[in-house]
Structures are given as structure tokens and as C-alpha cells.
Amino acid sequence: MGATNTENFTDKQNAIAILAKALGHPARVAIIDYLLKTDTCICGDIVNELPLAQPTVSQHLKELKNAGIIKGSIEGNAICYCIDEKALEKLQAYFVGISSKLNAKKSNCC
């Protein structure tokens, strides 16, 4: 059986894995795409954009929020969601680091 205990990995590795897992569903990627093209929105707006039922969209929003990718504020009876820039900056830094290391290696692997 493989190692799955998160304590065996660095905080940075665990943080990136949480973000990547949250982005591991096309509906969540679609939600991020929608939020990127709007400033803020209400859950109902997102439901109108996706071919999914409201409870399913709510579950995806919950996963994205738990991972820290989006944040939400209550405004009356609605919750307005937006991107948490800090989470995307972490992902960007991670992938820029990978890219830099690959460019520096200039490996002929595979």
C-alpha cells in the first residue's frame, strides 16, 4: 500500500495537492473560468452557466472554497463568490518553478 499520510510531505506539497485536487473536476474549472470573466456573482448565476443542478453546483463551490481557491460573502439571501488571488498566485509560482527547472535542465529525457 502506498504512502498517503500527508505528514510525510512538506506543507508546500500538501498545499499544492489540495489546490490541484480541487481543480481536478471540469465543473470546477468551468466555475473558475466563469468567475474570472466576472467580478463577483451569486450562486444562481453560476447555476445558469453550467449544465448542472443547483445542489451539484453548490457542492463544487464548497470544494473550491474549502481549498481556498474561491471566497464568498453573504449579501442578503445570496452568497457572492470571487477568486482568491492568493491561491492562484501559489499555483502560478509552483508551475513557474517547474517550468524554470525544466528549462534549466535542458534534458534529453524520453
Protein backbone atom coordinates (compact mmCIF):
# COMPACT_ATOMS: atom_id res chain seq x y z
CA MET A 1 0.00 0.00 0.00
CA GLY A 2 1.39 3.45 -0.93
CA ALA A 3 2.11 6.28 1.44
CA THR A 4 -0.92 8.53 1.80
CA ASN A 5 -0.18 10.22 5.11
CA THR A 6 0.08 13.94 4.49
CA GLU A 7 2.56 14.35 7.34
CA ASN A 8 5.14 12.60 5.16
CA PHE A 9 5.14 15.58 2.79
CA THR A 10 6.04 19.24 3.13
CA ASP A 11 3.46 21.92 3.85
CA LYS A 12 4.04 23.31 0.36
CA GLN A 13 3.47 19.90 -1.26
CA ASN A 14 0.27 19.40 0.72
CA ALA A 15 -0.98 22.90 -0.14
CA ILE A 16 -0.38 22.41 -3.88
CA ALA A 17 -2.04 18.97 -3.75
CA ILE A 18 -5.15 20.46 -2.11
CA LEU A 19 -5.40 23.13 -4.80
CA ALA A 20 -4.80 20.63 -7.61
CA LYS A 21 -7.38 18.21 -6.23
CA ALA A 22 -9.98 20.98 -6.07
CA LEU A 23 -9.28 21.81 -9.72
CA GLY A 24 -9.49 18.15 -10.70
CA HIS A 25 -13.07 18.31 -11.98
CA PRO A 26 -14.19 20.03 -15.20
CA ALA A 27 -17.19 21.63 -13.47
CA ARG A 28 -14.85 23.35 -11.01
CA VAL A 29 -12.64 24.53 -13.86
CA ALA A 30 -15.78 25.91 -15.55
CA ILE A 31 -16.71 27.72 -12.33
CA ILE A 32 -13.23 29.27 -12.16
CA ASP A 33 -13.48 30.31 -15.83
CA TYR A 34 -16.84 31.95 -15.13
CA LEU A 35 -15.57 33.76 -12.05
CA LEU A 36 -12.56 35.02 -13.98
CA LYS A 37 -14.77 36.70 -16.56
CA THR A 38 -16.99 38.34 -13.92
CA ASP A 39 -16.10 40.39 -10.87
CA THR A 40 -18.41 38.60 -8.45
CA CYS A 41 -21.52 36.54 -8.87
CA ILE A 42 -24.28 34.86 -6.97
CA CYS A 43 -24.59 31.10 -6.83
CA GLY A 44 -27.69 31.30 -9.02
CA ASP A 45 -25.68 32.99 -11.77
CA ILE A 46 -23.24 30.09 -11.78
CA VAL A 47 -26.09 27.57 -11.91
CA ASN A 48 -27.37 29.32 -15.04
CA GLU A 49 -23.94 28.95 -16.67
CA LEU A 50 -23.46 25.22 -16.06
CA PRO A 51 -25.46 22.19 -17.18
CA LEU A 52 -25.73 21.03 -13.55
CA ALA A 53 -28.36 21.10 -10.84
CA GLN A 54 -28.11 23.75 -8.12
CA PRO A 55 -27.14 21.26 -5.36
CA THR A 56 -24.32 19.93 -7.54
CA VAL A 57 -23.01 23.42 -8.25
CA SER A 58 -23.19 24.20 -4.53
CA GLN A 59 -21.11 21.12 -3.75
CA HIS A 60 -18.46 22.15 -6.29
CA LEU A 61 -18.43 25.69 -4.86
CA LYS A 62 -17.96 24.21 -1.40
CA GLU A 63 -14.95 22.18 -2.58
CA LEU A 64 -13.38 25.23 -4.22
CA LYS A 65 -13.99 27.32 -1.12
CA ASN A 66 -12.60 24.66 1.23
CA ALA A 67 -9.44 24.54 -0.87
CA GLY A 68 -9.14 28.32 -0.67
CA ILE A 69 -9.48 28.90 -4.41
CA ILE A 70 -12.62 31.00 -4.06
CA LYS A 71 -14.06 33.11 -1.30
CA GLY A 72 -17.64 34.05 -0.66
CA SER A 73 -19.51 36.73 1.19
CA ILE A 74 -23.14 36.71 2.23
CA GLU A 75 -25.20 39.51 0.75
CA GLY A 76 -28.81 39.24 1.86
CA ASN A 77 -30.09 35.79 0.91
CA ALA A 78 -27.30 35.18 -1.60
CA ILE A 79 -23.62 34.32 -1.45
CA CYS A 80 -21.34 36.22 -3.82
CA TYR A 81 -18.24 34.30 -4.87
CA CYS A 82 -14.94 35.51 -6.28
CA ILE A 83 -11.45 34.13 -6.93
CA ASP A 84 -8.99 34.19 -4.05
CA GLU A 85 -5.94 35.62 -5.79
CA LYS A 86 -3.56 34.21 -3.16
CA ALA A 87 -4.42 30.63 -4.11
CA LEU A 88 -3.85 31.28 -7.79
CA GLU A 89 -0.56 33.00 -7.00
CA LYS A 90 0.57 29.82 -5.20
CA LEU A 91 -0.33 27.70 -8.23
CA GLN A 92 1.34 30.12 -10.60
CA ALA A 93 4.53 30.14 -8.52
CA TYR A 94 4.54 26.34 -8.44
CA PHE A 95 4.17 25.97 -12.21
CA VAL A 96 6.65 28.75 -12.94
CA GLY A 97 9.11 26.90 -10.70
CA ILE A 98 8.55 23.67 -12.61
CA SER A 99 8.98 25.45 -15.91
CA SER A 100 12.18 27.17 -14.76
CA LYS A 101 13.68 23.90 -13.55
CA LEU A 102 12.82 22.16 -16.82
CA ASN A 103 14.35 24.97 -18.85
CA ALA A 104 17.48 24.88 -16.72
CA LYS A 105 17.81 21.10 -17.12
CA LYS A 106 17.51 21.08 -20.90
CA SER A 107 17.29 17.32 -20.51
CA ASN A 108 17.07 14.90 -23.38
CA CYS A 109 15.00 12.55 -21.26
CA CYS A 110 12.50 10.37 -23.12
